Protein backbone atom coordinates (compact mmCIF):
# COMPACT_ATOMS: atom_id res chain seq x y z
CA THR A 1 0.00 0.00 0.00
CA GLN A 2 1.19 3.48 -0.84
CA ILE A 3 0.51 6.26 1.67
CA ARG A 4 0.71 9.92 0.62
CA ALA A 5 0.56 13.04 2.75
CA PRO A 6 -1.81 15.84 1.69
CA TYR A 7 1.16 18.24 1.66
CA SER A 8 4.86 18.15 0.84
CA GLY A 9 7.17 18.36 3.82
CA ILE A 10 9.50 16.52 6.16
CA VAL A 11 8.77 13.34 8.11
CA THR A 12 9.39 14.01 11.79
CA GLU A 13 8.40 10.68 13.30
CA ARG A 14 7.48 7.17 12.15
CA HIS A 15 4.81 5.61 14.35
CA LEU A 16 4.87 2.23 12.56
CA SER A 17 7.69 0.21 11.09
CA VAL A 18 7.62 -1.92 7.96
CA GLY A 19 5.65 -5.12 8.62
CA GLU A 20 3.55 -3.77 11.50
CA ILE A 21 -0.22 -3.76 11.22
CA ALA A 22 -1.86 -0.38 10.67
CA SER A 23 -5.32 0.08 12.13
CA PRO A 24 -7.86 2.60 10.79
CA GLY A 25 -7.47 6.05 12.35
CA ALA A 26 -4.05 5.32 13.87
CA ALA A 27 -1.16 7.59 12.99
CA VAL A 28 1.41 6.09 10.64
CA MET A 29 3.79 9.06 10.39
CA SER A 30 4.02 12.64 11.61
CA GLY A 31 5.39 15.43 9.49
CA ILE A 32 5.68 19.15 8.99
CA SER A 33 5.16 21.36 5.98
CA LEU A 34 7.67 24.16 5.43
CA ASP A 35 5.22 25.93 3.10
CA GLN A 36 2.76 26.92 5.84
CA LEU A 37 4.75 28.23 8.79
CA ARG A 38 3.54 30.64 11.44
CA VAL A 39 4.98 32.59 14.34
CA THR A 40 3.48 32.61 17.83
CA VAL A 41 4.36 35.65 19.91
CA ASP A 42 3.37 36.80 23.40
CA VAL A 43 2.25 40.45 23.33
CA PRO A 44 2.14 42.42 26.61
CA GLN A 45 -1.27 43.37 27.93
CA SER A 46 -0.32 47.06 27.82
CA ILE A 47 -0.11 47.13 24.00
CA ILE A 48 -2.57 44.42 22.92
CA SER A 49 -5.35 47.00 22.43
CA ALA A 50 -3.19 48.82 19.84
CA VAL A 51 -2.56 45.53 18.01
CA ARG A 52 -6.28 44.67 18.08
CA SER A 53 -7.46 48.09 16.89
CA GLY A 54 -4.68 48.17 14.30
CA LYS A 55 -5.74 44.74 13.05
CA ALA A 56 -9.21 46.12 12.33
CA SER A 57 -7.70 48.96 10.30
CA GLY A 58 -5.27 46.80 8.32
CA ALA A 59 -2.26 46.55 10.66
CA ARG A 60 0.60 44.42 9.48
CA ALA A 61 3.14 42.26 11.25
CA ARG A 62 6.82 42.30 10.31
CA ILE A 63 8.90 39.18 10.66
CA TYR A 64 12.66 39.68 10.76
CA LEU A 65 14.25 36.52 9.37
CA PRO A 66 17.60 35.13 10.56
CA ASP A 67 19.21 35.82 7.16
CA GLY A 68 18.44 39.57 7.42
CA ARG A 69 15.34 39.71 5.22
CA VAL A 70 12.06 41.21 6.44
CA THR A 71 8.62 39.98 5.39
CA GLU A 72 5.23 41.49 6.17
CA THR A 73 1.77 39.98 6.48
CA ASP A 74 -1.70 40.99 7.59
CA ALA A 75 -2.69 37.42 8.55
CA ILE A 76 -2.76 38.08 12.31
CA THR A 77 -4.85 36.19 14.88
CA VAL A 78 -5.15 37.67 18.38
CA PHE A 79 -6.37 35.12 20.91
CA PRO A 80 -9.08 36.54 23.23
CA PHE A 81 -7.55 35.49 26.56
CA ALA A 82 -4.48 36.44 28.57
CA ASP A 83 -1.93 34.20 30.24
CA VAL A 84 -2.53 34.65 33.97
CA GLY A 85 1.14 34.26 34.94
CA SER A 86 2.70 36.65 32.42
CA ASN A 87 -0.22 38.98 31.56
CA THR A 88 0.45 38.48 27.85
CA PHE A 89 -1.81 37.63 24.94
CA LYS A 90 -0.88 35.03 22.33
CA VAL A 91 -0.80 36.34 18.77
CA ARG A 92 -0.37 34.03 15.79
CA ILE A 93 1.15 35.39 12.58
CA GLU A 94 0.95 33.42 9.33
CA ILE A 95 4.24 33.69 7.41
CA PRO A 96 3.67 34.29 3.68
CA PRO A 97 5.75 32.21 1.24
CA LEU A 98 9.10 33.82 0.53
CA ASN A 99 11.02 33.88 -2.77
CA GLY A 100 10.51 30.65 -4.66
CA GLY A 101 7.31 29.78 -2.75
CA SER A 102 8.91 28.26 0.35
CA HIS A 103 10.56 29.30 3.61
CA GLN A 104 14.17 28.34 2.89
CA ALA A 105 15.46 30.36 5.84
CA LEU A 106 13.01 29.07 8.48
CA PHE A 107 12.40 25.81 10.29
CA PRO A 108 9.99 25.00 13.13
CA GLY A 109 11.36 25.89 16.55
CA MET A 110 13.57 28.75 15.33
CA LEU A 111 13.45 32.16 17.00
CA VAL A 112 12.56 35.21 14.91
CA LYS A 113 11.98 38.84 15.79
CA THR A 114 8.53 40.26 15.14
CA GLY A 115 7.05 43.72 15.13
CA PHE A 116 3.60 45.18 14.57
CA VAL A 117 2.96 48.13 12.29
CA ILE A 118 -0.05 49.75 13.97
CA GLY A 119 0.24 53.22 12.53
CA ALA A 120 2.08 55.26 9.93
CA LYS A 121 3.61 58.71 9.89
CA ASP A 122 4.69 60.64 6.84
CA ALA A 123 8.21 62.00 7.05
CA VAL A 124 10.88 63.28 4.73
CA THR A 125 13.84 60.90 4.94
CA VAL A 126 17.35 60.92 3.55
CA PRO A 127 20.05 58.24 3.60
CA ARG A 128 22.46 58.62 6.52
CA GLN A 129 25.40 58.74 4.09
CA ALA A 130 23.95 61.92 2.51
CA VAL A 131 24.02 63.88 5.80
CA VAL A 132 27.05 66.16 6.08
CA HIS A 133 28.33 67.83 9.27
CA ARG A 134 30.26 71.06 8.68
CA SER A 135 31.48 72.51 11.97
CA GLU A 136 28.22 73.04 13.92
CA VAL A 137 25.99 72.90 10.84
CA THR A 138 24.20 69.82 9.55
CA GLY A 139 22.99 69.65 5.98
CA VAL A 140 22.81 67.80 2.68
CA TYR A 141 24.04 68.64 -0.78
CA VAL A 142 21.22 68.97 -3.33
CA ILE A 143 21.07 69.79 -7.01
CA GLY A 144 19.11 73.00 -7.55
CA GLN A 145 16.76 73.81 -10.41
CA ASP A 146 19.60 75.51 -12.27
CA GLY A 147 21.64 72.27 -12.07
CA ARG A 148 24.13 73.64 -9.54
CA LEU A 149 25.14 71.78 -6.39
CA CYS A 150 24.26 73.64 -3.20
CA PHE A 151 24.41 72.97 0.54
CA ARG A 152 21.01 72.94 2.27
CA TYR A 153 20.73 73.19 6.06
CA ILE A 154 18.61 70.52 7.74
CA ARG A 155 17.51 69.63 11.24
CA LEU A 156 17.69 65.91 11.98
CA GLY A 157 14.74 64.14 13.51
CA GLN A 158 14.37 60.55 14.58
CA GLY A 159 16.86 57.96 13.40
CA LEU A 160 15.20 55.20 11.42
CA PRO A 161 16.23 51.60 10.77
CA GLU A 162 17.62 50.58 7.38
CA ARG A 163 20.19 53.38 7.11
CA TYR A 164 17.76 56.33 6.90
CA VAL A 165 17.15 59.38 9.06
CA ALA A 166 14.02 61.54 9.27
CA LEU A 167 14.10 65.30 8.93
CA ALA A 168 12.39 67.36 11.62
């Protein structure tokens, strides 16, 4: 008899060996699919309301992969009960397929960083390498309408990840 799993994946445990009798409903093998992974994260009670209200308005979750890539998804499930000991809520995040349709960088049991995008703010940003410090003056060089290079004074705002800085 040939037995096929309803998904492609990895066999994690064999419950029966060759020659043993299989009974109806009994597990023959256990396996995992690397195409449908998810992250479970404990979110503190103090910020769960922002995650819940953000979820209703299209909030997204960011998953920072071990190889440096970042993926986003809106497939977020917030469980409606808190853990009594830690005062945290469980949130499940479905990981979308990465390049090539699978999660080559992830395996079950791995640790990943997660973040929730619950709001957005418009800001003018420039790469950190473009910021120039001349004595006590901070600025950037820009090309004017006449095609000439000129120094423009700026006031730096909040530093952002991914090598950018916001202007105040």
